N, C-alpha and C. Protein backbone atom coordinates (compact mmCIF):
# COMPACT_ATOMS: atom_id res chain seq x y z
N MET A 1 -79.52 77.40 19.98
CA MET A 1 -80.69 76.74 19.40
C MET A 1 -81.46 76.02 20.49
N PRO A 2 -82.80 76.17 20.52
CA PRO A 2 -83.57 75.43 21.51
C PRO A 2 -83.31 73.94 21.39
N SER A 3 -83.27 73.28 22.53
CA SER A 3 -83.05 71.84 22.53
C SER A 3 -84.31 71.13 22.06
N PRO A 4 -84.18 69.90 21.60
CA PRO A 4 -85.35 69.19 21.09
C PRO A 4 -86.43 69.00 22.13
N ILE A 5 -87.67 69.30 21.76
CA ILE A 5 -88.82 69.00 22.60
C ILE A 5 -89.24 67.56 22.32
N LEU A 6 -89.11 67.19 21.07
CA LEU A 6 -89.42 65.83 20.65
C LEU A 6 -88.13 65.06 20.62
N ALA A 7 -87.99 64.06 21.47
CA ALA A 7 -86.75 63.30 21.55
C ALA A 7 -86.79 62.14 20.59
N ALA A 8 -86.02 62.22 19.53
CA ALA A 8 -86.04 61.16 18.52
C ALA A 8 -85.62 59.84 19.14
N GLN A 9 -86.47 58.84 19.02
CA GLN A 9 -86.17 57.53 19.58
C GLN A 9 -85.95 56.50 18.47
N MET A 10 -85.81 57.01 17.24
CA MET A 10 -85.57 56.09 16.15
C MET A 10 -84.57 56.72 15.20
N SER A 11 -83.67 55.93 14.72
CA SER A 11 -82.74 56.36 13.70
C SER A 11 -82.80 55.30 12.62
N LEU A 12 -83.30 55.66 11.47
CA LEU A 12 -83.56 54.67 10.45
C LEU A 12 -82.27 54.06 9.90
N VAL A 13 -82.24 52.76 9.85
CA VAL A 13 -81.09 52.05 9.29
C VAL A 13 -81.28 51.96 7.78
N GLN A 14 -80.18 51.78 7.06
CA GLN A 14 -80.25 51.62 5.62
C GLN A 14 -80.62 50.17 5.29
N PRO A 15 -81.32 49.96 4.20
CA PRO A 15 -81.70 48.59 3.84
C PRO A 15 -80.48 47.76 3.44
N ASP A 16 -80.61 46.46 3.57
CA ASP A 16 -79.56 45.55 3.14
C ASP A 16 -79.32 45.74 1.64
N LEU A 17 -78.05 45.86 1.25
CA LEU A 17 -77.74 46.14 -0.15
C LEU A 17 -78.22 45.02 -1.08
N GLY A 18 -78.13 43.78 -0.60
CA GLY A 18 -78.61 42.66 -1.41
C GLY A 18 -80.09 42.76 -1.68
N VAL A 19 -80.85 43.10 -0.64
CA VAL A 19 -82.30 43.28 -0.78
C VAL A 19 -82.60 44.44 -1.71
N LEU A 20 -81.85 45.53 -1.55
CA LEU A 20 -82.07 46.71 -2.37
C LEU A 20 -81.79 46.44 -3.84
N ARG A 21 -80.73 45.70 -4.10
CA ARG A 21 -80.39 45.37 -5.50
C ARG A 21 -81.49 44.51 -6.13
N LYS A 22 -81.99 43.54 -5.37
CA LYS A 22 -83.06 42.68 -5.88
C LYS A 22 -84.31 43.51 -6.16
N ALA A 23 -84.63 44.44 -5.24
CA ALA A 23 -85.80 45.30 -5.43
C ALA A 23 -85.63 46.16 -6.67
N GLN A 24 -84.42 46.62 -6.92
CA GLN A 24 -84.16 47.42 -8.11
C GLN A 24 -84.42 46.64 -9.39
N ARG A 25 -84.21 45.33 -9.32
CA ARG A 25 -84.44 44.48 -10.50
C ARG A 25 -85.91 44.05 -10.61
N GLY A 26 -86.76 44.58 -9.70
CA GLY A 26 -88.18 44.30 -9.79
C GLY A 26 -88.66 43.14 -8.94
N ASP A 27 -87.80 42.65 -8.04
CA ASP A 27 -88.17 41.54 -7.16
C ASP A 27 -89.19 42.03 -6.13
N GLU A 28 -90.43 41.58 -6.28
CA GLU A 28 -91.49 42.07 -5.40
C GLU A 28 -91.31 41.62 -3.96
N ARG A 29 -90.74 40.45 -3.76
CA ARG A 29 -90.53 39.97 -2.40
C ARG A 29 -89.50 40.85 -1.68
N ALA A 30 -88.44 41.22 -2.38
CA ALA A 30 -87.43 42.10 -1.80
C ALA A 30 -88.03 43.47 -1.51
N PHE A 31 -88.86 43.96 -2.42
CA PHE A 31 -89.47 45.27 -2.22
C PHE A 31 -90.42 45.25 -1.03
N SER A 32 -91.11 44.12 -0.83
CA SER A 32 -92.03 44.02 0.31
C SER A 32 -91.27 44.12 1.63
N ILE A 33 -90.03 43.65 1.66
CA ILE A 33 -89.20 43.79 2.87
C ILE A 33 -88.92 45.27 3.13
N ILE A 34 -88.63 46.00 2.08
CA ILE A 34 -88.38 47.43 2.21
C ILE A 34 -89.63 48.15 2.69
N VAL A 35 -90.77 47.78 2.14
CA VAL A 35 -92.03 48.41 2.55
C VAL A 35 -92.30 48.15 4.02
N ARG A 36 -92.15 46.91 4.46
CA ARG A 36 -92.40 46.57 5.87
C ARG A 36 -91.47 47.34 6.80
N THR A 37 -90.25 47.58 6.36
CA THR A 37 -89.27 48.27 7.20
C THR A 37 -89.58 49.75 7.36
N TYR A 38 -90.04 50.39 6.29
CA TYR A 38 -90.15 51.85 6.30
C TYR A 38 -91.58 52.38 6.22
N GLU A 39 -92.55 51.50 6.08
CA GLU A 39 -93.94 51.95 5.91
C GLU A 39 -94.43 52.75 7.12
N GLN A 40 -94.17 52.27 8.33
CA GLN A 40 -94.68 52.96 9.52
C GLN A 40 -94.04 54.33 9.72
N PRO A 41 -92.71 54.46 9.61
CA PRO A 41 -92.12 55.80 9.74
C PRO A 41 -92.66 56.79 8.70
N VAL A 42 -92.82 56.33 7.47
CA VAL A 42 -93.34 57.20 6.42
C VAL A 42 -94.79 57.59 6.74
N TYR A 43 -95.59 56.62 7.14
CA TYR A 43 -97.00 56.91 7.47
C TYR A 43 -97.10 57.90 8.64
N ASN A 44 -96.33 57.66 9.70
CA ASN A 44 -96.38 58.56 10.85
C ASN A 44 -95.97 59.97 10.47
N TYR A 45 -94.95 60.08 9.63
CA TYR A 45 -94.47 61.40 9.18
C TYR A 45 -95.57 62.11 8.40
N ILE A 46 -96.20 61.40 7.46
CA ILE A 46 -97.26 62.00 6.66
C ILE A 46 -98.46 62.38 7.53
N LEU A 47 -98.80 61.50 8.47
CA LEU A 47 -99.95 61.76 9.34
C LEU A 47 -99.73 63.02 10.16
N ARG A 48 -98.51 63.22 10.65
CA ARG A 48 -98.24 64.41 11.45
C ARG A 48 -98.23 65.68 10.60
N LEU A 49 -98.05 65.52 9.29
CA LEU A 49 -98.08 66.67 8.40
C LEU A 49 -99.49 67.00 7.94
N THR A 50 -100.33 65.98 7.76
CA THR A 50 -101.66 66.20 7.21
C THR A 50 -102.77 66.16 8.25
N GLY A 51 -102.57 65.38 9.33
CA GLY A 51 -103.62 65.24 10.33
C GLY A 51 -104.80 64.41 9.87
N ASP A 52 -104.66 63.73 8.73
CA ASP A 52 -105.77 62.99 8.15
C ASP A 52 -105.34 61.53 7.97
N ARG A 53 -105.95 60.64 8.75
CA ARG A 53 -105.53 59.24 8.75
C ARG A 53 -105.75 58.57 7.40
N SER A 54 -106.95 58.72 6.83
CA SER A 54 -107.25 58.07 5.56
C SER A 54 -106.35 58.60 4.44
N LEU A 55 -106.19 59.90 4.41
CA LEU A 55 -105.32 60.51 3.40
C LEU A 55 -103.88 60.02 3.56
N SER A 56 -103.43 59.90 4.80
CA SER A 56 -102.06 59.47 5.05
C SER A 56 -101.83 58.04 4.58
N GLU A 57 -102.85 57.19 4.75
CA GLU A 57 -102.74 55.81 4.26
C GLU A 57 -102.61 55.80 2.74
N ASP A 58 -103.42 56.62 2.08
CA ASP A 58 -103.36 56.68 0.61
C ASP A 58 -102.01 57.22 0.14
N LEU A 59 -101.56 58.29 0.79
CA LEU A 59 -100.30 58.90 0.37
C LEU A 59 -99.12 57.97 0.61
N THR A 60 -99.18 57.21 1.70
CA THR A 60 -98.10 56.25 1.98
C THR A 60 -98.02 55.22 0.87
N GLN A 61 -99.17 54.72 0.43
CA GLN A 61 -99.18 53.76 -0.67
C GLN A 61 -98.62 54.39 -1.94
N GLU A 62 -98.98 55.64 -2.19
CA GLU A 62 -98.50 56.33 -3.39
C GLU A 62 -97.00 56.56 -3.32
N VAL A 63 -96.50 56.88 -2.14
CA VAL A 63 -95.06 57.08 -1.97
C VAL A 63 -94.29 55.81 -2.33
N PHE A 64 -94.76 54.68 -1.84
CA PHE A 64 -94.04 53.44 -2.12
C PHE A 64 -94.22 52.99 -3.57
N LEU A 65 -95.30 53.39 -4.19
CA LEU A 65 -95.44 53.13 -5.62
C LEU A 65 -94.38 53.94 -6.38
N ARG A 66 -94.21 55.19 -6.00
CA ARG A 66 -93.19 56.03 -6.63
C ARG A 66 -91.78 55.49 -6.36
N VAL A 67 -91.58 55.00 -5.14
CA VAL A 67 -90.27 54.42 -4.81
C VAL A 67 -90.01 53.20 -5.68
N PHE A 68 -91.01 52.34 -5.82
CA PHE A 68 -90.85 51.13 -6.64
C PHE A 68 -90.52 51.51 -8.09
N GLN A 69 -91.21 52.52 -8.59
CA GLN A 69 -90.99 52.96 -9.96
C GLN A 69 -89.62 53.61 -10.14
N GLY A 70 -89.15 54.28 -9.08
CA GLY A 70 -87.89 55.00 -9.18
C GLY A 70 -86.66 54.20 -8.80
N LEU A 71 -86.86 53.04 -8.19
CA LEU A 71 -85.73 52.24 -7.70
C LEU A 71 -84.70 51.86 -8.78
N PRO A 72 -85.13 51.51 -10.00
CA PRO A 72 -84.13 51.12 -11.00
C PRO A 72 -83.09 52.20 -11.27
N SER A 73 -83.46 53.46 -11.12
CA SER A 73 -82.51 54.55 -11.37
C SER A 73 -81.88 55.09 -10.09
N PHE A 74 -82.22 54.49 -8.94
CA PHE A 74 -81.65 54.95 -7.66
C PHE A 74 -80.18 54.54 -7.58
N SER A 75 -79.34 55.50 -7.20
CA SER A 75 -77.90 55.22 -7.08
C SER A 75 -77.60 54.61 -5.73
N LEU A 76 -76.94 53.46 -5.73
CA LEU A 76 -76.60 52.78 -4.48
C LEU A 76 -75.54 53.55 -3.68
N ARG A 77 -74.98 54.58 -4.28
CA ARG A 77 -74.04 55.43 -3.55
C ARG A 77 -74.76 56.42 -2.63
N SER A 78 -76.06 56.56 -2.85
CA SER A 78 -76.86 57.48 -2.04
C SER A 78 -77.47 56.74 -0.85
N ARG A 79 -77.91 57.51 0.14
CA ARG A 79 -78.59 56.92 1.29
C ARG A 79 -80.06 56.73 0.94
N PHE A 80 -80.52 55.49 1.07
CA PHE A 80 -81.90 55.18 0.69
C PHE A 80 -82.90 55.99 1.50
N THR A 81 -82.69 56.11 2.81
CA THR A 81 -83.67 56.80 3.66
C THR A 81 -83.79 58.27 3.28
N THR A 82 -82.68 58.89 2.88
CA THR A 82 -82.74 60.29 2.46
C THR A 82 -83.60 60.42 1.21
N TRP A 83 -83.36 59.53 0.25
CA TRP A 83 -84.15 59.56 -0.98
C TRP A 83 -85.62 59.25 -0.70
N LEU A 84 -85.88 58.28 0.18
CA LEU A 84 -87.25 57.92 0.53
C LEU A 84 -88.02 59.12 1.04
N PHE A 85 -87.41 59.89 1.94
CA PHE A 85 -88.14 61.02 2.50
C PHE A 85 -88.15 62.22 1.56
N GLN A 86 -87.27 62.22 0.58
CA GLN A 86 -87.37 63.22 -0.49
C GLN A 86 -88.60 62.94 -1.34
N VAL A 87 -88.80 61.66 -1.68
CA VAL A 87 -90.00 61.26 -2.42
C VAL A 87 -91.25 61.58 -1.60
N THR A 88 -91.19 61.27 -0.31
CA THR A 88 -92.34 61.53 0.58
C THR A 88 -92.65 63.02 0.63
N LYS A 89 -91.61 63.82 0.81
CA LYS A 89 -91.79 65.28 0.87
C LYS A 89 -92.46 65.81 -0.39
N ASN A 90 -91.99 65.36 -1.55
CA ASN A 90 -92.56 65.85 -2.80
C ASN A 90 -94.02 65.47 -2.94
N ARG A 91 -94.37 64.24 -2.55
CA ARG A 91 -95.78 63.82 -2.66
C ARG A 91 -96.67 64.58 -1.69
N VAL A 92 -96.18 64.79 -0.47
CA VAL A 92 -96.98 65.52 0.52
C VAL A 92 -97.18 66.97 0.09
N LEU A 93 -96.13 67.61 -0.43
CA LEU A 93 -96.27 69.00 -0.87
C LEU A 93 -97.28 69.11 -2.01
N ASP A 94 -97.25 68.15 -2.93
CA ASP A 94 -98.25 68.14 -4.01
C ASP A 94 -99.66 68.08 -3.43
N GLU A 95 -99.83 67.23 -2.43
CA GLU A 95 -101.15 67.06 -1.83
C GLU A 95 -101.57 68.29 -1.04
N LEU A 96 -100.63 68.89 -0.29
CA LEU A 96 -100.98 70.07 0.49
C LEU A 96 -101.39 71.22 -0.41
N ARG A 97 -100.75 71.33 -1.56
CA ARG A 97 -101.14 72.37 -2.52
C ARG A 97 -102.54 72.10 -3.05
N ALA A 98 -102.84 70.81 -3.31
CA ALA A 98 -104.16 70.45 -3.80
C ALA A 98 -105.23 70.69 -2.73
N ILE A 99 -104.87 70.41 -1.47
CA ILE A 99 -105.81 70.59 -0.37
C ILE A 99 -106.22 72.05 -0.23
N GLU A 100 -105.28 72.94 -0.49
CA GLU A 100 -105.58 74.37 -0.38
C GLU A 100 -106.67 74.80 -1.36
N ARG A 101 -106.84 74.00 -2.40
CA ARG A 101 -107.82 74.36 -3.43
C ARG A 101 -109.15 73.64 -3.27
N ARG A 102 -109.29 72.84 -2.22
CA ARG A 102 -110.56 72.14 -2.03
C ARG A 102 -110.85 71.97 -0.54
N PRO A 103 -112.13 71.94 -0.15
CA PRO A 103 -112.47 71.73 1.25
C PRO A 103 -112.19 70.29 1.66
N ARG A 104 -111.95 70.07 2.93
CA ARG A 104 -111.69 68.72 3.40
C ARG A 104 -112.12 68.58 4.85
N VAL A 105 -112.35 67.36 5.26
CA VAL A 105 -112.64 67.04 6.66
C VAL A 105 -111.36 66.46 7.25
N VAL A 106 -110.89 67.07 8.33
CA VAL A 106 -109.62 66.66 8.91
C VAL A 106 -109.85 65.89 10.20
N VAL A 107 -109.18 64.78 10.33
CA VAL A 107 -109.22 64.01 11.58
C VAL A 107 -108.41 64.77 12.62
N ASN A 108 -108.97 64.90 13.82
CA ASN A 108 -108.25 65.59 14.88
C ASN A 108 -106.91 64.91 15.13
N ILE A 109 -105.86 65.70 15.22
CA ILE A 109 -104.51 65.14 15.38
C ILE A 109 -104.41 64.32 16.67
N ASP A 110 -105.28 64.60 17.64
CA ASP A 110 -105.25 63.84 18.89
C ASP A 110 -105.69 62.39 18.67
N ASP A 111 -106.38 62.14 17.54
CA ASP A 111 -106.80 60.78 17.23
C ASP A 111 -105.70 59.96 16.59
N ALA A 112 -104.60 60.61 16.26
CA ALA A 112 -103.49 59.89 15.62
C ALA A 112 -102.84 58.96 16.62
N PRO A 113 -102.27 57.85 16.14
CA PRO A 113 -101.60 56.93 17.07
C PRO A 113 -100.44 57.64 17.74
N PRO A 114 -100.32 57.53 19.06
CA PRO A 114 -99.26 58.25 19.77
C PRO A 114 -97.88 57.77 19.37
N LEU A 115 -96.98 58.70 19.24
CA LEU A 115 -95.58 58.38 18.98
C LEU A 115 -94.80 58.62 20.26
N GLU A 116 -93.98 57.68 20.64
CA GLU A 116 -93.24 57.81 21.90
C GLU A 116 -92.00 58.66 21.69
N VAL A 117 -92.24 59.97 21.58
CA VAL A 117 -91.14 60.86 21.25
C VAL A 117 -90.98 62.00 22.26
N VAL A 118 -91.76 61.98 23.32
CA VAL A 118 -91.63 63.02 24.34
C VAL A 118 -90.76 62.50 25.46
N ASP A 119 -89.86 63.35 25.96
CA ASP A 119 -88.96 62.93 27.02
C ASP A 119 -89.75 62.32 28.18
N ALA A 120 -89.17 61.32 28.79
CA ALA A 120 -89.86 60.52 29.81
C ALA A 120 -90.56 61.33 30.89
N PRO A 121 -89.94 62.39 31.47
CA PRO A 121 -90.62 63.12 32.54
C PRO A 121 -91.94 63.76 32.09
N ALA A 122 -92.12 63.95 30.79
CA ALA A 122 -93.31 64.63 30.31
C ALA A 122 -94.29 63.69 29.63
N GLU A 123 -94.14 62.41 29.85
CA GLU A 123 -94.99 61.44 29.17
C GLU A 123 -96.36 61.35 29.84
N ARG A 124 -97.11 62.41 29.72
CA ARG A 124 -98.49 62.44 30.18
C ARG A 124 -99.33 62.79 28.96
N SER A 125 -100.48 62.20 28.87
CA SER A 125 -101.28 62.37 27.65
C SER A 125 -101.59 63.83 27.36
N GLU A 126 -101.87 64.61 28.40
CA GLU A 126 -102.22 66.01 28.15
C GLU A 126 -101.03 66.79 27.61
N THR A 127 -99.83 66.46 28.09
CA THR A 127 -98.63 67.13 27.63
C THR A 127 -98.31 66.72 26.20
N ILE A 128 -98.43 65.42 25.92
CA ILE A 128 -98.18 64.94 24.57
C ILE A 128 -99.15 65.61 23.59
N GLY A 129 -100.41 65.71 23.99
CA GLY A 129 -101.39 66.35 23.12
C GLY A 129 -101.05 67.80 22.85
N ALA A 130 -100.60 68.51 23.89
CA ALA A 130 -100.24 69.91 23.73
C ALA A 130 -99.05 70.08 22.80
N VAL A 131 -98.07 69.19 22.94
CA VAL A 131 -96.90 69.26 22.07
C VAL A 131 -97.31 69.05 20.61
N TRP A 132 -98.13 68.03 20.37
CA TRP A 132 -98.50 67.75 18.98
C TRP A 132 -99.40 68.84 18.41
N ARG A 133 -100.23 69.46 19.23
CA ARG A 133 -101.03 70.58 18.72
C ARG A 133 -100.13 71.74 18.31
N ALA A 134 -99.09 71.96 19.11
CA ALA A 134 -98.14 73.03 18.77
C ALA A 134 -97.38 72.71 17.49
N VAL A 135 -97.01 71.45 17.33
CA VAL A 135 -96.32 71.04 16.11
C VAL A 135 -97.25 71.16 14.91
N GLU A 136 -98.50 70.75 15.10
CA GLU A 136 -99.48 70.80 14.00
C GLU A 136 -99.66 72.23 13.49
N ALA A 137 -99.53 73.21 14.38
CA ALA A 137 -99.76 74.61 14.01
C ALA A 137 -98.61 75.22 13.21
N LEU A 138 -97.47 74.53 13.15
CA LEU A 138 -96.33 75.05 12.39
C LEU A 138 -96.64 75.08 10.90
N ASN A 139 -95.99 75.98 10.18
CA ASN A 139 -96.16 75.96 8.74
C ASN A 139 -95.47 74.71 8.17
N PRO A 140 -95.86 74.24 6.99
CA PRO A 140 -95.34 72.96 6.46
C PRO A 140 -93.81 72.90 6.38
N ASP A 141 -93.16 73.98 5.99
CA ASP A 141 -91.70 73.96 5.88
C ASP A 141 -91.04 73.67 7.22
N LEU A 142 -91.49 74.37 8.26
CA LEU A 142 -90.91 74.16 9.59
C LEU A 142 -91.26 72.77 10.11
N LYS A 143 -92.50 72.36 9.88
CA LYS A 143 -92.96 71.06 10.39
C LYS A 143 -92.18 69.91 9.75
N MET A 144 -91.98 69.99 8.44
CA MET A 144 -91.25 68.93 7.75
C MET A 144 -89.84 68.77 8.30
N ALA A 145 -89.16 69.89 8.48
CA ALA A 145 -87.78 69.83 8.97
C ALA A 145 -87.74 69.30 10.40
N LEU A 146 -88.64 69.78 11.26
CA LEU A 146 -88.65 69.38 12.66
C LEU A 146 -88.94 67.88 12.80
N LEU A 147 -89.93 67.39 12.08
CA LEU A 147 -90.29 65.97 12.19
C LEU A 147 -89.18 65.07 11.67
N LEU A 148 -88.53 65.47 10.59
CA LEU A 148 -87.43 64.65 10.07
C LEU A 148 -86.28 64.58 11.06
N ARG A 149 -86.08 65.65 11.82
CA ARG A 149 -84.98 65.67 12.79
C ARG A 149 -85.36 64.99 14.11
N ASP A 150 -86.44 65.46 14.72
CA ASP A 150 -86.76 65.06 16.09
C ASP A 150 -87.63 63.82 16.19
N VAL A 151 -88.24 63.39 15.08
CA VAL A 151 -89.06 62.18 15.11
C VAL A 151 -88.42 61.08 14.27
N VAL A 152 -88.12 61.38 13.00
CA VAL A 152 -87.53 60.36 12.14
C VAL A 152 -86.08 60.10 12.52
N GLY A 153 -85.37 61.16 12.94
CA GLY A 153 -84.00 60.99 13.39
C GLY A 153 -82.94 61.18 12.31
N LEU A 154 -83.29 61.85 11.21
CA LEU A 154 -82.30 62.11 10.18
C LEU A 154 -81.31 63.18 10.65
N SER A 155 -80.10 63.14 10.11
CA SER A 155 -79.11 64.16 10.43
C SER A 155 -79.46 65.45 9.69
N TYR A 156 -78.83 66.54 10.09
CA TYR A 156 -79.08 67.82 9.42
C TYR A 156 -78.72 67.71 7.93
N ALA A 157 -77.62 67.06 7.63
CA ALA A 157 -77.20 66.91 6.24
C ALA A 157 -78.21 66.09 5.44
N GLU A 158 -78.74 65.03 6.05
CA GLU A 158 -79.73 64.19 5.37
C GLU A 158 -81.03 64.97 5.13
N ILE A 159 -81.41 65.79 6.10
CA ILE A 159 -82.62 66.60 5.95
C ILE A 159 -82.45 67.60 4.81
N ALA A 160 -81.27 68.21 4.74
CA ALA A 160 -80.99 69.16 3.66
C ALA A 160 -81.14 68.49 2.30
N GLU A 161 -80.65 67.26 2.20
CA GLU A 161 -80.74 66.53 0.94
C GLU A 161 -82.17 66.12 0.66
N ALA A 162 -82.87 65.63 1.68
CA ALA A 162 -84.25 65.17 1.50
C ALA A 162 -85.19 66.31 1.11
N LEU A 163 -85.00 67.47 1.75
CA LEU A 163 -85.87 68.61 1.48
C LEU A 163 -85.35 69.49 0.35
N GLU A 164 -84.13 69.17 -0.13
CA GLU A 164 -83.51 69.91 -1.23
C GLU A 164 -83.34 71.39 -0.89
N ILE A 165 -82.78 71.63 0.30
CA ILE A 165 -82.48 72.98 0.76
C ILE A 165 -81.07 72.98 1.34
N THR A 166 -80.56 74.16 1.67
CA THR A 166 -79.20 74.25 2.20
C THR A 166 -79.16 73.81 3.66
N LEU A 167 -77.96 73.45 4.11
CA LEU A 167 -77.78 73.06 5.51
C LEU A 167 -78.14 74.21 6.44
N ALA A 168 -77.76 75.42 6.06
CA ALA A 168 -78.09 76.59 6.89
C ALA A 168 -79.59 76.77 7.02
N THR A 169 -80.32 76.53 5.94
CA THR A 169 -81.78 76.64 5.98
C THR A 169 -82.39 75.58 6.88
N VAL A 170 -81.84 74.37 6.82
CA VAL A 170 -82.31 73.31 7.72
C VAL A 170 -82.16 73.73 9.17
N LYS A 171 -80.97 74.21 9.53
CA LYS A 171 -80.71 74.60 10.91
C LYS A 171 -81.65 75.71 11.35
N TRP A 172 -81.89 76.68 10.45
CA TRP A 172 -82.77 77.79 10.81
C TRP A 172 -84.20 77.29 11.01
N ARG A 173 -84.67 76.44 10.09
CA ARG A 173 -86.05 75.96 10.19
C ARG A 173 -86.27 75.15 11.46
N ILE A 174 -85.31 74.31 11.82
CA ILE A 174 -85.46 73.50 13.04
C ILE A 174 -85.41 74.41 14.27
N TYR A 175 -84.50 75.37 14.25
CA TYR A 175 -84.43 76.34 15.35
C TYR A 175 -85.76 77.06 15.50
N LYS A 176 -86.28 77.58 14.38
CA LYS A 176 -87.52 78.33 14.40
C LYS A 176 -88.69 77.46 14.84
N ALA A 177 -88.73 76.22 14.36
CA ALA A 177 -89.82 75.32 14.72
C ALA A 177 -89.82 75.03 16.21
N ARG A 178 -88.66 74.69 16.75
CA ARG A 178 -88.57 74.40 18.18
C ARG A 178 -88.95 75.63 19.00
N GLU A 179 -88.50 76.80 18.54
CA GLU A 179 -88.81 78.04 19.24
C GLU A 179 -90.31 78.29 19.26
N GLU A 180 -90.98 78.08 18.11
CA GLU A 180 -92.42 78.32 18.04
C GLU A 180 -93.20 77.32 18.89
N VAL A 181 -92.74 76.06 18.90
CA VAL A 181 -93.40 75.05 19.73
C VAL A 181 -93.26 75.41 21.20
N GLN A 182 -92.06 75.78 21.61
CA GLN A 182 -91.84 76.17 23.00
C GLN A 182 -92.71 77.36 23.38
N THR A 183 -92.79 78.35 22.50
CA THR A 183 -93.60 79.54 22.77
C THR A 183 -95.07 79.17 22.93
N ALA A 184 -95.55 78.29 22.06
CA ALA A 184 -96.95 77.86 22.14
C ALA A 184 -97.23 77.12 23.43
N LEU A 185 -96.29 76.26 23.84
CA LEU A 185 -96.47 75.51 25.09
C LEU A 185 -96.47 76.45 26.29
N GLN A 186 -95.56 77.40 26.28
CA GLN A 186 -95.51 78.36 27.39
C GLN A 186 -96.79 79.18 27.46
N ARG A 187 -97.31 79.54 26.28
CA ARG A 187 -98.54 80.32 26.22
C ARG A 187 -99.71 79.53 26.81
N ASP A 188 -99.67 78.19 26.61
CA ASP A 188 -100.73 77.33 27.14
C ASP A 188 -100.45 76.85 28.56
N GLY A 189 -99.34 77.31 29.12
CA GLY A 189 -99.01 76.92 30.49
C GLY A 189 -98.52 75.50 30.63
N VAL A 190 -98.00 74.93 29.54
CA VAL A 190 -97.49 73.56 29.56
C VAL A 190 -95.98 73.60 29.76
N VAL A 191 -95.52 72.86 30.75
CA VAL A 191 -94.09 72.83 31.05
C VAL A 191 -93.51 71.51 30.58
N VAL A 192 -92.56 71.60 29.66
CA VAL A 192 -91.86 70.42 29.18
C VAL A 192 -90.39 70.58 29.51
N PRO A 193 -89.79 69.63 30.24
CA PRO A 193 -88.37 69.75 30.58
C PRO A 193 -87.50 69.84 29.34
N ILE A 194 -86.80 70.94 29.20
CA ILE A 194 -85.94 71.16 28.05
C ILE A 194 -84.61 71.70 28.56
N SER A 195 -83.52 71.12 28.11
CA SER A 195 -82.21 71.59 28.50
C SER A 195 -82.01 73.01 28.04
N SER A 196 -81.47 73.87 28.89
CA SER A 196 -81.28 75.25 28.53
C SER A 196 -80.14 75.45 27.55
N ALA A 197 -79.23 74.49 27.50
CA ALA A 197 -78.10 74.63 26.62
C ALA A 197 -78.23 73.66 25.44
N PRO A 198 -78.17 74.20 24.20
CA PRO A 198 -78.27 73.31 23.06
C PRO A 198 -77.05 72.45 22.90
N SER A 199 -77.23 71.35 22.19
CA SER A 199 -76.10 70.44 21.95
C SER A 199 -75.04 71.15 21.16
N ALA A 200 -73.79 70.94 21.51
CA ALA A 200 -72.70 71.60 20.81
C ALA A 200 -72.40 70.89 19.51
N HIS A 201 -72.86 69.66 19.37
CA HIS A 201 -72.54 68.89 18.18
C HIS A 201 -73.75 68.82 17.27
N VAL A 202 -73.57 69.25 16.04
CA VAL A 202 -74.62 69.17 15.05
C VAL A 202 -74.19 68.16 14.01
N PRO A 203 -74.83 67.01 13.93
CA PRO A 203 -74.42 65.98 12.98
C PRO A 203 -74.68 66.42 11.55
């Protein structure tokens, strides 16, 4: 499997159980703590999927509204971050289907706030732009899996649960996504240092 081009620099922690329980009971102050903790990762993920800043802000708000509404039935035995990105995935897919049926003006992905996810030797603006253009060109299924792994930092098992697909499908989609990104970069003459040997450990 191709090694990650996007080096995940964040691994989302689970919310404090006390805060989560209070939020489940409708405590708005507790829920605001959850929003502050996860709002930026959710927004960045949506922005990289849609390329539209205004739309991403709206969808992020809608995601957290759905989370607030769904919290009372959320099982504390589950991982909150996995469920959060499952909710996010469902809302984004609904929107992408709607977008296909109507014209829209898209903000250039280069205008998006930079994410520090490219390996240090390649941290040049032109290289970062090329990587994100290659990621943007992926189909939604591949893009969702790749971003959850290499940007959000979820494990393969968590991605499978969030996207509601099999572990084997997750691995294939991430492999295919990385392969397509690498091919696009090579086609554009962009060199990004990538280990030739994939990691032997798949979490």
